[in-house]
Amino acid sequence: MEDRKDQIIDAAIRRFMHYGFSKTTMNEIAEDIKITKANLYYYYSEKNALIRDVLIRLTDEYRAEEEKLVAAHTGTTYDLIMKILEMRDAFVRKYYMLHMNENLEWIKGLSMQDFFQCLHNRDVKALYEIFKVGAEKGELNEEHLYETAEIYVELMKSLSLMCNISDIISGIPNQDRFDEVLQKQKLATKLFFNGINKK
């Protein structure tokens, strides 16, 4: 059963990367892997459930890469955060069409809101662990580390959203904004670290 679900997720990712969530139909995904629509609905009774599993797969993939980067890093916490920003930029560029959607109805359900809150909490916890190591090494002020991680994550997401809001509204991707987002995030990180570095 897991093999079939993996095939469905793989096919959905390929479709979503090219057409986005709302322009992809369940029927197209079924046709791509040569199963009936009824068979697809046996595994995924609704499109939101499939979208959720796609996002879980991609966030797990990203998190595994980030964990490898963190484990191999030997420099400062600031340098590590800059490397993470660059890695995230490459990941977002690869899966950009998944961020684009002219119809955001699918995101309004309570189960999706809870799901996105869970992903957000994972981001904060991962960053908190990085900041904790930085504090233990004497680089960062150790006060309010968890709250600091929350604010940083929200700041980075806000910068990304503000730079891409016109693309999201129009549904027309403009990949030129990637450089703008990354540069603003790096500048904000520099300013942020000036405030939390141990003097």
N, C-alpha and C. Protein backbone atom coordinates (compact mmCIF):
# COMPACT_ATOMS: atom_id res chain seq x y z
N MET A 1 0.82 -1.21 0.00
CA MET A 1 0.00 0.00 0.00
C MET A 1 0.86 1.26 0.00
N GLU A 2 1.95 1.24 0.80
CA GLU A 2 2.81 2.42 0.87
C GLU A 2 3.46 2.71 -0.48
N ASP A 3 3.82 1.65 -1.23
CA ASP A 3 4.41 1.85 -2.55
C ASP A 3 3.46 2.60 -3.47
N ARG A 4 2.19 2.22 -3.45
CA ARG A 4 1.20 2.90 -4.29
C ARG A 4 1.02 4.35 -3.84
N LYS A 5 0.98 4.58 -2.53
CA LYS A 5 0.85 5.95 -2.04
C LYS A 5 2.06 6.78 -2.46
N ASP A 6 3.23 6.18 -2.39
CA ASP A 6 4.44 6.89 -2.83
C ASP A 6 4.36 7.24 -4.32
N GLN A 7 3.86 6.31 -5.14
CA GLN A 7 3.69 6.59 -6.57
C GLN A 7 2.73 7.75 -6.79
N ILE A 8 1.65 7.75 -6.04
CA ILE A 8 0.65 8.83 -6.16
C ILE A 8 1.28 10.16 -5.76
N ILE A 9 2.01 10.17 -4.66
CA ILE A 9 2.65 11.41 -4.19
C ILE A 9 3.67 11.89 -5.22
N ASP A 10 4.47 10.97 -5.76
CA ASP A 10 5.46 11.35 -6.78
C ASP A 10 4.78 11.99 -8.00
N ALA A 11 3.68 11.36 -8.45
CA ALA A 11 2.95 11.89 -9.61
C ALA A 11 2.34 13.24 -9.28
N ALA A 12 1.81 13.38 -8.07
CA ALA A 12 1.20 14.65 -7.66
C ALA A 12 2.25 15.76 -7.60
N ILE A 13 3.43 15.45 -7.08
CA ILE A 13 4.50 16.45 -7.02
C ILE A 13 4.86 16.92 -8.43
N ARG A 14 5.02 15.99 -9.35
CA ARG A 14 5.35 16.38 -10.73
C ARG A 14 4.28 17.30 -11.31
N ARG A 15 3.02 16.95 -11.11
CA ARG A 15 1.91 17.77 -11.62
C ARG A 15 1.87 19.13 -10.92
N PHE A 16 1.95 19.11 -9.60
CA PHE A 16 1.85 20.35 -8.84
C PHE A 16 3.00 21.30 -9.17
N MET A 17 4.21 20.73 -9.39
CA MET A 17 5.36 21.57 -9.73
C MET A 17 5.15 22.29 -11.06
N HIS A 18 4.41 21.65 -11.96
CA HIS A 18 4.21 22.23 -13.28
C HIS A 18 2.98 23.13 -13.36
N TYR A 19 1.89 22.69 -12.71
CA TYR A 19 0.61 23.40 -12.87
C TYR A 19 0.10 24.07 -11.60
N GLY A 20 0.69 23.78 -10.45
CA GLY A 20 0.15 24.29 -9.19
C GLY A 20 -0.94 23.38 -8.66
N PHE A 21 -1.40 23.67 -7.45
CA PHE A 21 -2.38 22.80 -6.79
C PHE A 21 -3.75 22.83 -7.48
N SER A 22 -4.28 24.03 -7.71
CA SER A 22 -5.68 24.10 -8.14
C SER A 22 -5.89 23.71 -9.59
N LYS A 23 -4.87 23.84 -10.44
CA LYS A 23 -5.03 23.49 -11.85
C LYS A 23 -4.77 22.01 -12.12
N THR A 24 -4.36 21.29 -11.10
CA THR A 24 -4.13 19.85 -11.24
C THR A 24 -5.38 19.12 -10.75
N THR A 25 -5.85 18.17 -11.54
CA THR A 25 -7.02 17.39 -11.12
C THR A 25 -6.58 16.01 -10.64
N MET A 26 -7.42 15.44 -9.82
CA MET A 26 -7.15 14.08 -9.33
C MET A 26 -7.15 13.11 -10.52
N ASN A 27 -7.99 13.36 -11.49
CA ASN A 27 -8.06 12.50 -12.67
C ASN A 27 -6.72 12.48 -13.42
N GLU A 28 -6.09 13.65 -13.56
CA GLU A 28 -4.79 13.73 -14.25
C GLU A 28 -3.73 12.93 -13.50
N ILE A 29 -3.75 13.03 -12.17
CA ILE A 29 -2.78 12.27 -11.37
C ILE A 29 -3.01 10.78 -11.56
N ALA A 30 -4.26 10.35 -11.55
CA ALA A 30 -4.59 8.94 -11.76
C ALA A 30 -4.12 8.47 -13.13
N GLU A 31 -4.35 9.30 -14.16
CA GLU A 31 -3.92 8.94 -15.52
C GLU A 31 -2.40 8.81 -15.61
N ASP A 32 -1.69 9.70 -14.91
CA ASP A 32 -0.22 9.67 -14.96
C ASP A 32 0.36 8.35 -14.48
N ILE A 33 -0.30 7.74 -13.49
CA ILE A 33 0.24 6.47 -12.99
C ILE A 33 -0.62 5.27 -13.39
N LYS A 34 -1.52 5.55 -14.34
CA LYS A 34 -2.32 4.50 -14.97
C LYS A 34 -3.15 3.69 -13.97
N ILE A 35 -3.86 4.43 -13.10
CA ILE A 35 -4.84 3.79 -12.22
C ILE A 35 -6.17 4.50 -12.44
N THR A 36 -7.24 3.89 -11.98
CA THR A 36 -8.54 4.53 -12.12
C THR A 36 -8.69 5.63 -11.08
N LYS A 37 -9.58 6.55 -11.38
CA LYS A 37 -9.85 7.62 -10.42
C LYS A 37 -10.40 7.02 -9.11
N ALA A 38 -11.21 5.97 -9.24
CA ALA A 38 -11.77 5.30 -8.05
C ALA A 38 -10.64 4.72 -7.19
N ASN A 39 -9.62 4.15 -7.85
CA ASN A 39 -8.49 3.60 -7.13
C ASN A 39 -7.72 4.70 -6.41
N LEU A 40 -7.55 5.85 -7.08
CA LEU A 40 -6.88 6.98 -6.45
C LEU A 40 -7.64 7.44 -5.22
N TYR A 41 -8.98 7.51 -5.34
CA TYR A 41 -9.80 7.95 -4.21
C TYR A 41 -9.82 6.94 -3.07
N TYR A 42 -9.46 5.70 -3.35
CA TYR A 42 -9.30 4.71 -2.28
C TYR A 42 -8.17 5.14 -1.34
N TYR A 43 -7.09 5.68 -1.92
CA TYR A 43 -5.95 6.12 -1.12
C TYR A 43 -6.13 7.55 -0.61
N TYR A 44 -6.74 8.39 -1.42
CA TYR A 44 -6.95 9.79 -1.05
C TYR A 44 -8.38 10.19 -1.38
N SER A 45 -9.20 10.27 -0.35
CA SER A 45 -10.62 10.56 -0.56
C SER A 45 -10.86 12.01 -0.95
N GLU A 46 -9.86 12.86 -0.73
CA GLU A 46 -9.98 14.26 -1.14
C GLU A 46 -8.61 14.80 -1.52
N LYS A 47 -8.62 15.84 -2.32
CA LYS A 47 -7.38 16.42 -2.82
C LYS A 47 -6.55 17.03 -1.69
N ASN A 48 -7.22 17.63 -0.68
CA ASN A 48 -6.48 18.22 0.43
C ASN A 48 -5.62 17.20 1.16
N ALA A 49 -6.12 15.99 1.29
CA ALA A 49 -5.33 14.94 1.95
C ALA A 49 -4.07 14.63 1.15
N LEU A 50 -4.19 14.62 -0.16
CA LEU A 50 -3.03 14.39 -1.02
C LEU A 50 -2.06 15.57 -0.94
N ILE A 51 -2.59 16.79 -0.97
CA ILE A 51 -1.73 17.98 -0.83
C ILE A 51 -0.98 17.93 0.48
N ARG A 52 -1.66 17.55 1.56
CA ARG A 52 -1.02 17.47 2.87
C ARG A 52 0.15 16.47 2.83
N ASP A 53 -0.07 15.29 2.21
CA ASP A 53 1.01 14.29 2.14
C ASP A 53 2.16 14.75 1.26
N VAL A 54 1.85 15.49 0.19
CA VAL A 54 2.90 16.07 -0.65
C VAL A 54 3.74 17.05 0.17
N LEU A 55 3.07 17.91 0.92
CA LEU A 55 3.79 18.89 1.73
C LEU A 55 4.61 18.22 2.83
N ILE A 56 4.08 17.16 3.40
CA ILE A 56 4.84 16.40 4.41
C ILE A 56 6.11 15.82 3.78
N ARG A 57 5.95 15.21 2.60
CA ARG A 57 7.12 14.63 1.90
C ARG A 57 8.18 15.69 1.65
N LEU A 58 7.75 16.86 1.13
CA LEU A 58 8.71 17.91 0.77
C LEU A 58 9.34 18.54 2.01
N THR A 59 8.55 18.76 3.05
CA THR A 59 9.14 19.35 4.26
C THR A 59 10.08 18.36 4.94
N ASP A 60 9.76 17.08 4.89
CA ASP A 60 10.67 16.06 5.44
C ASP A 60 11.98 16.04 4.65
N GLU A 61 11.86 16.15 3.32
CA GLU A 61 13.05 16.19 2.47
C GLU A 61 13.91 17.41 2.82
N TYR A 62 13.25 18.56 2.95
CA TYR A 62 13.98 19.77 3.29
C TYR A 62 14.62 19.65 4.67
N ARG A 63 13.86 19.16 5.63
CA ARG A 63 14.37 19.06 7.01
C ARG A 63 15.57 18.13 7.07
N ALA A 64 15.55 17.03 6.33
CA ALA A 64 16.68 16.09 6.32
C ALA A 64 17.93 16.78 5.78
N GLU A 65 17.78 17.57 4.71
CA GLU A 65 18.92 18.31 4.15
C GLU A 65 19.43 19.35 5.13
N GLU A 66 18.52 20.03 5.80
CA GLU A 66 18.93 21.03 6.79
C GLU A 66 19.68 20.38 7.95
N GLU A 67 19.19 19.23 8.41
CA GLU A 67 19.85 18.53 9.51
C GLU A 67 21.26 18.10 9.12
N LYS A 68 21.45 17.67 7.88
CA LYS A 68 22.80 17.30 7.40
C LYS A 68 23.71 18.52 7.42
N LEU A 69 23.18 19.64 6.95
CA LEU A 69 23.95 20.89 6.93
C LEU A 69 24.36 21.30 8.33
N VAL A 70 23.42 21.24 9.26
CA VAL A 70 23.69 21.62 10.66
C VAL A 70 24.73 20.69 11.26
N ALA A 71 24.60 19.38 11.03
CA ALA A 71 25.52 18.40 11.61
C ALA A 71 26.95 18.59 11.09
N ALA A 72 27.10 19.01 9.83
CA ALA A 72 28.42 19.15 9.22
C ALA A 72 29.05 20.52 9.48
N HIS A 73 28.27 21.48 9.96
CA HIS A 73 28.76 22.85 10.11
C HIS A 73 29.70 22.99 11.30
N THR A 74 30.79 23.71 11.08
CA THR A 74 31.76 23.91 12.17
C THR A 74 32.00 25.39 12.48
N GLY A 75 31.38 26.30 11.74
CA GLY A 75 31.61 27.73 11.94
C GLY A 75 30.64 28.34 12.95
N THR A 76 30.40 29.63 12.78
CA THR A 76 29.54 30.36 13.71
C THR A 76 28.06 30.09 13.40
N THR A 77 27.23 30.41 14.38
CA THR A 77 25.79 30.26 14.21
C THR A 77 25.30 31.18 13.09
N TYR A 78 25.83 32.38 13.04
CA TYR A 78 25.45 33.33 11.99
C TYR A 78 25.75 32.75 10.60
N ASP A 79 26.94 32.19 10.43
CA ASP A 79 27.31 31.59 9.14
C ASP A 79 26.38 30.42 8.79
N LEU A 80 26.00 29.64 9.80
CA LEU A 80 25.10 28.51 9.59
C LEU A 80 23.73 29.01 9.12
N ILE A 81 23.22 30.05 9.75
CA ILE A 81 21.91 30.58 9.35
C ILE A 81 21.96 31.11 7.92
N MET A 82 23.06 31.74 7.55
CA MET A 82 23.20 32.22 6.16
C MET A 82 23.20 31.05 5.17
N LYS A 83 23.86 29.95 5.53
CA LYS A 83 23.87 28.76 4.67
C LYS A 83 22.47 28.16 4.56
N ILE A 84 21.74 28.15 5.68
CA ILE A 84 20.37 27.63 5.67
C ILE A 84 19.48 28.48 4.77
N LEU A 85 19.65 29.80 4.82
CA LEU A 85 18.88 30.69 3.94
C LEU A 85 19.14 30.35 2.47
N GLU A 86 20.41 30.12 2.13
CA GLU A 86 20.75 29.79 0.74
C GLU A 86 20.17 28.43 0.34
N MET A 87 20.21 27.47 1.25
CA MET A 87 19.66 26.16 0.96
C MET A 87 18.14 26.26 0.79
N ARG A 88 17.47 27.03 1.65
CA ARG A 88 16.02 27.20 1.54
C ARG A 88 15.66 27.90 0.24
N ASP A 89 16.47 28.88 -0.15
CA ASP A 89 16.25 29.59 -1.42
C ASP A 89 16.27 28.59 -2.59
N ALA A 90 17.26 27.70 -2.60
CA ALA A 90 17.37 26.71 -3.68
C ALA A 90 16.15 25.77 -3.67
N PHE A 91 15.70 25.41 -2.49
CA PHE A 91 14.55 24.52 -2.35
C PHE A 91 13.28 25.20 -2.86
N VAL A 92 13.08 26.45 -2.48
CA VAL A 92 11.89 27.19 -2.91
C VAL A 92 11.91 27.40 -4.42
N ARG A 93 13.08 27.68 -4.98
CA ARG A 93 13.18 27.83 -6.43
C ARG A 93 12.75 26.54 -7.14
N LYS A 94 13.18 25.41 -6.60
CA LYS A 94 12.86 24.12 -7.21
C LYS A 94 11.36 23.85 -7.19
N TYR A 95 10.71 24.19 -6.07
CA TYR A 95 9.30 23.88 -5.90
C TYR A 95 8.41 25.12 -5.94
N TYR A 96 8.82 26.11 -6.73
CA TYR A 96 8.15 27.41 -6.71
C TYR A 96 6.66 27.32 -7.04
N MET A 97 6.29 26.50 -8.00
CA MET A 97 4.88 26.44 -8.40
C MET A 97 3.98 25.95 -7.27
N LEU A 98 4.56 25.29 -6.28
CA LEU A 98 3.75 24.86 -5.15
C LEU A 98 3.37 26.05 -4.26
N HIS A 99 4.11 27.16 -4.41
CA HIS A 99 3.79 28.36 -3.64
C HIS A 99 2.76 29.21 -4.36
N MET A 100 2.58 28.96 -5.65
CA MET A 100 1.68 29.77 -6.46
C MET A 100 0.30 29.14 -6.47
N ASN A 101 -0.71 29.95 -6.26
CA ASN A 101 -2.06 29.43 -6.34
C ASN A 101 -3.04 30.56 -6.52
N GLU A 102 -3.81 30.49 -7.61
CA GLU A 102 -4.80 31.52 -7.86
C GLU A 102 -6.08 31.28 -7.08
N ASN A 103 -6.19 30.11 -6.46
CA ASN A 103 -7.38 29.78 -5.69
C ASN A 103 -6.92 29.16 -4.38
N LEU A 104 -7.06 29.92 -3.30
CA LEU A 104 -6.54 29.47 -2.01
C LEU A 104 -7.60 28.78 -1.16
N GLU A 105 -8.69 28.34 -1.78
CA GLU A 105 -9.77 27.71 -1.02
C GLU A 105 -9.27 26.48 -0.26
N TRP A 106 -8.36 25.72 -0.86
CA TRP A 106 -7.89 24.47 -0.25
C TRP A 106 -7.21 24.70 1.09
N ILE A 107 -6.71 25.91 1.33
CA ILE A 107 -5.94 26.17 2.55
C ILE A 107 -6.83 26.58 3.72
N LYS A 108 -8.12 26.82 3.44
CA LYS A 108 -8.99 27.39 4.46
C LYS A 108 -9.53 26.39 5.47
N GLY A 109 -9.47 25.13 5.18
CA GLY A 109 -10.00 24.14 6.11
C GLY A 109 -9.23 24.09 7.41
N LEU A 110 -9.92 23.77 8.49
CA LEU A 110 -9.30 23.73 9.81
C LEU A 110 -8.14 22.74 9.85
N SER A 111 -8.30 21.60 9.19
CA SER A 111 -7.24 20.58 9.22
C SER A 111 -5.96 21.12 8.56
N MET A 112 -6.09 21.92 7.51
CA MET A 112 -4.91 22.50 6.86
C MET A 112 -4.29 23.59 7.73
N GLN A 113 -5.13 24.35 8.42
CA GLN A 113 -4.59 25.38 9.32
C GLN A 113 -3.77 24.73 10.43
N ASP A 114 -4.31 23.66 11.01
CA ASP A 114 -3.58 22.94 12.05
C ASP A 114 -2.27 22.37 11.49
N PHE A 115 -2.36 21.86 10.27
CA PHE A 115 -1.19 21.28 9.61
C PHE A 115 -0.09 22.34 9.43
N PHE A 116 -0.47 23.52 8.91
CA PHE A 116 0.52 24.57 8.70
C PHE A 116 1.08 25.09 10.03
N GLN A 117 0.27 25.11 11.07
CA GLN A 117 0.77 25.51 12.39
C GLN A 117 1.80 24.50 12.88
N CYS A 118 1.55 23.22 12.62
CA CYS A 118 2.50 22.17 12.99
C CYS A 118 3.83 22.34 12.25
N LEU A 119 3.77 22.64 10.95
CA LEU A 119 5.00 22.88 10.18
C LEU A 119 5.75 24.10 10.72
N HIS A 120 5.00 25.15 11.04
CA HIS A 120 5.61 26.36 11.61
C HIS A 120 6.32 26.02 12.92
N ASN A 121 5.66 25.26 13.78
CA ASN A 121 6.25 24.89 15.07
C ASN A 121 7.53 24.08 14.88
N ARG A 122 7.55 23.22 13.85
CA ARG A 122 8.77 22.45 13.54
C ARG A 122 9.91 23.39 13.16
N ASP A 123 9.60 24.40 12.34
CA ASP A 123 10.62 25.38 11.94
C ASP A 123 11.20 26.09 13.16
N VAL A 124 10.31 26.51 14.05
CA VAL A 124 10.75 27.25 15.25
C VAL A 124 11.60 26.34 16.13
N LYS A 125 11.17 25.11 16.34
CA LYS A 125 11.92 24.19 17.20
C LYS A 125 13.31 23.91 16.63
N ALA A 126 13.38 23.71 15.31
CA ALA A 126 14.68 23.44 14.68
C ALA A 126 15.62 24.64 14.86
N LEU A 127 15.09 25.85 14.68
CA LEU A 127 15.92 27.05 14.84
C LEU A 127 16.31 27.25 16.29
N TYR A 128 15.40 26.97 17.20
CA TYR A 128 15.70 27.07 18.63
C TYR A 128 16.89 26.18 18.99
N GLU A 129 16.92 24.97 18.45
CA GLU A 129 18.04 24.06 18.73
C GLU A 129 19.35 24.64 18.22
N ILE A 130 19.31 25.29 17.06
CA ILE A 130 20.51 25.94 16.52
C ILE A 130 20.94 27.10 17.41
N PHE A 131 19.98 27.92 17.82
CA PHE A 131 20.28 29.06 18.70
C PHE A 131 20.82 28.59 20.05
N LYS A 132 20.28 27.46 20.55
CA LYS A 132 20.73 26.93 21.84
C LYS A 132 22.20 26.55 21.78
N VAL A 133 22.60 25.93 20.69
CA VAL A 133 24.02 25.57 20.51
C VAL A 133 24.86 26.84 20.43
N GLY A 134 24.36 27.85 19.71
CA GLY A 134 25.07 29.13 19.62
C GLY A 134 25.24 29.78 20.99
N ALA A 135 24.24 29.67 21.83
CA ALA A 135 24.32 30.22 23.20
C ALA A 135 25.32 29.42 24.04
N GLU A 136 25.30 28.10 23.88
CA GLU A 136 26.23 27.23 24.62
C GLU A 136 27.68 27.51 24.22
N LYS A 137 27.89 27.89 22.94
CA LYS A 137 29.24 28.23 22.47
C LYS A 137 29.64 29.66 22.86
N GLY A 138 28.72 30.38 23.49
CA GLY A 138 29.02 31.74 23.93
C GLY A 138 28.85 32.80 22.85
N GLU A 139 28.21 32.43 21.73
CA GLU A 139 28.03 33.38 20.63
C GLU A 139 26.78 34.24 20.81
N LEU A 140 25.73 33.64 21.35
CA LEU A 140 24.43 34.31 21.41
C LEU A 140 23.99 34.54 22.85
N ASN A 141 23.22 35.60 23.02
CA ASN A 141 22.59 35.86 24.31
C ASN A 141 21.59 34.74 24.58
N GLU A 142 21.66 34.14 25.75
CA GLU A 142 20.83 32.96 26.00
C GLU A 142 19.43 33.27 26.52
N GLU A 143 19.11 34.54 26.69
CA GLU A 143 17.77 34.91 27.17
C GLU A 143 16.73 34.77 26.06
N HIS A 144 15.59 34.25 26.40
CA HIS A 144 14.42 34.18 25.49
C HIS A 144 14.75 33.53 24.14
N LEU A 145 15.51 32.45 24.16
CA LEU A 145 15.93 31.83 22.91
C LEU A 145 14.75 31.31 22.08
N TYR A 146 13.77 30.69 22.74
CA TYR A 146 12.64 30.14 21.98
C TYR A 146 11.85 31.27 21.33
N GLU A 147 11.58 32.33 22.09
CA GLU A 147 10.84 33.48 21.55
C GLU A 147 11.63 34.14 20.41
N THR A 148 12.95 34.18 20.57
CA THR A 148 13.81 34.75 19.52
C THR A 148 13.70 33.92 18.24
N ALA A 149 13.68 32.59 18.39
CA ALA A 149 13.53 31.71 17.23
C ALA A 149 12.17 31.94 16.56
N GLU A 150 11.12 32.08 17.36
CA GLU A 150 9.77 32.35 16.80
C GLU A 150 9.76 33.63 15.99
N ILE A 151 10.33 34.69 16.56
CA ILE A 151 10.33 35.99 15.88
C ILE A 151 11.13 35.91 14.58
N TYR A 152 12.28 35.24 14.63
CA TYR A 152 13.11 35.13 13.43
C TYR A 152 12.37 34.38 12.31
N VAL A 153 11.76 33.25 12.65
CA VAL A 153 11.02 32.47 11.65
C VAL A 153 9.90 33.31 11.04
N GLU A 154 9.16 34.01 11.89
CA GLU A 154 8.06 34.86 11.39
C GLU A 154 8.59 36.00 10.52
N LEU A 155 9.72 36.56 10.89
CA LEU A 155 10.32 37.64 10.10
C LEU A 155 10.72 37.14 8.71
N MET A 156 11.36 35.99 8.64
CA MET A 156 11.79 35.45 7.35
C MET A 156 10.59 35.11 6.46
N LYS A 157 9.56 34.52 7.06
CA LYS A 157 8.36 34.18 6.28
C LYS A 157 7.64 35.45 5.80
N SER A 158 7.62 36.47 6.65
CA SER A 158 6.97 37.73 6.28
C SER A 158 7.69 38.39 5.11
N LEU A 159 9.01 38.40 5.14
CA LEU A 159 9.77 38.98 4.03
C LEU A 159 9.50 38.23 2.73
N SER A 160 9.46 36.92 2.81
CA SER A 160 9.18 36.12 1.63
C SER A 160 7.78 36.41 1.10
N LEU A 161 6.82 36.45 2.00
CA LEU A 161 5.44 36.72 1.59
C LEU A 161 5.30 38.10 0.96
N MET A 162 5.89 39.12 1.56
CA MET A 162 5.76 40.48 1.05
C MET A 162 6.38 40.62 -0.33
N CYS A 163 7.48 39.93 -0.57
CA CYS A 163 8.14 40.01 -1.88
C CYS A 163 7.35 39.25 -2.95
N ASN A 164 6.57 38.25 -2.53
CA ASN A 164 5.88 37.39 -3.50
C ASN A 164 4.37 37.61 -3.56
N ILE A 165 3.85 38.58 -2.81
CA ILE A 165 2.41 38.74 -2.72
C ILE A 165 1.76 39.02 -4.07
N SER A 166 2.43 39.81 -4.91
CA SER A 166 1.82 40.10 -6.22
C SER A 166 1.76 38.86 -7.09
N ASP A 167 2.76 37.97 -6.98
CA ASP A 167 2.72 36.71 -7.72
C ASP A 167 1.57 35.83 -7.24
N ILE A 168 1.38 35.79 -5.92
CA ILE A 168 0.33 34.96 -5.34
C ILE A 168 -1.04 35.46 -5.77
N ILE A 169 -1.22 36.78 -5.75
CA ILE A 169 -2.51 37.37 -6.13
C ILE A 169 -2.78 37.16 -7.61
N SER A 170 -1.77 37.41 -8.45
CA SER A 170 -1.98 37.30 -9.90
C SER A 170 -1.93 35.86 -10.39
N GLY A 171 -1.26 34.98 -9.63
CA GLY A 171 -1.08 33.60 -10.09
C GLY A 171 -0.01 33.47 -11.16
N ILE A 172 0.74 34.56 -11.39
CA ILE A 172 1.79 34.55 -12.42
C ILE A 172 3.15 34.58 -11.71
N PRO A 173 3.90 33.51 -11.81
CA PRO A 173 5.17 33.46 -11.10
C PRO A 173 6.21 34.38 -11.71
N ASN A 174 6.96 35.04 -10.86
CA ASN A 174 8.06 35.90 -11.29
C ASN A 174 9.29 35.48 -10.50
N GLN A 175 10.09 34.63 -11.09
CA GLN A 175 11.21 34.07 -10.36
C GLN A 175 12.33 35.08 -10.13
N ASP A 176 12.24 36.26 -10.74
CA ASP A 176 13.24 37.31 -10.48
C ASP A 176 13.20 37.74 -9.01
N ARG A 177 12.09 37.48 -8.34
CA ARG A 177 11.95 37.91 -6.94
C ARG A 177 12.79 37.08 -5.97
N PHE A 178 13.28 35.92 -6.42
CA PHE A 178 14.06 35.08 -5.52
C PHE A 178 15.28 35.82 -4.97
N ASP A 179 16.01 36.49 -5.85
CA ASP A 179 17.20 37.20 -5.41
C ASP A 179 16.84 38.30 -4.42
N GLU A 180 15.73 39.00 -4.70
CA GLU A 180 15.28 40.06 -3.80
C GLU A 180 14.95 39.51 -2.42
N VAL A 181 14.22 38.40 -2.38
CA VAL A 181 13.86 37.78 -1.10
C VAL A 181 15.11 37.38 -0.34
N LEU A 182 16.03 36.69 -1.01
CA LEU A 182 17.23 36.21 -0.34
C LEU A 182 18.07 37.36 0.20
N GLN A 183 18.24 38.42 -0.59
CA GLN A 183 19.04 39.56 -0.14
C GLN A 183 18.41 40.25 1.08
N LYS A 184 17.08 40.40 1.04
CA LYS A 184 16.40 41.01 2.19
C LYS A 184 16.49 40.13 3.43
N GLN A 185 16.36 38.82 3.23
CA GLN A 185 16.47 37.91 4.36
C GLN A 185 17.88 37.93 4.95
N LYS A 186 18.89 38.02 4.09
CA LYS A 186 20.27 38.08 4.59
C LYS A 186 20.53 39.37 5.35
N LEU A 187 20.04 40.48 4.82
CA LEU A 187 20.22 41.76 5.51
C LEU A 187 19.49 41.75 6.85
N ALA A 188 18.26 41.25 6.86
CA ALA A 188 17.49 41.18 8.10
C ALA A 188 18.19 40.27 9.12
N THR A 189 18.79 39.19 8.63
CA THR A 189 19.52 38.27 9.52
C THR A 189 20.72 38.97 10.14
N LYS A 190 21.44 39.74 9.34
CA LYS A 190 22.60 40.49 9.85
C LYS A 190 22.16 41.45 10.95
N LEU A 191 21.08 42.19 10.69
CA LEU A 191 20.57 43.14 11.70
C LEU A 191 20.08 42.39 12.93
N PHE A 192 19.41 41.28 12.72
CA PHE A 192 18.86 40.47 13.81
C PHE A 192 19.99 39.95 14.70
N PHE A 193 21.04 39.43 14.07
CA PHE A 193 22.15 38.87 14.84
C PHE A 193 22.92 39.95 15.58
N ASN A 194 22.93 41.17 15.08
CA ASN A 194 23.57 42.26 15.82
C ASN A 194 22.87 42.45 17.17
N GLY A 195 21.57 42.13 17.21
CA GLY A 195 20.81 42.28 18.46
C GLY A 195 20.94 41.11 19.39
N ILE A 196 21.17 39.89 18.87
CA ILE A 196 21.19 38.74 19.77
C ILE A 196 22.60 38.18 20.00
N ASN A 197 23.60 38.73 19.29
CA ASN A 197 24.99 38.31 19.57
C ASN A 197 25.37 38.71 20.98
N LYS A 198 26.13 37.85 21.60
CA LYS A 198 26.63 38.16 22.94
C LYS A 198 27.70 39.22 22.79
N LYS A 199 27.57 40.28 23.53
CA LYS A 199 28.54 41.40 23.43
C LYS A 199 29.82 41.04 24.15
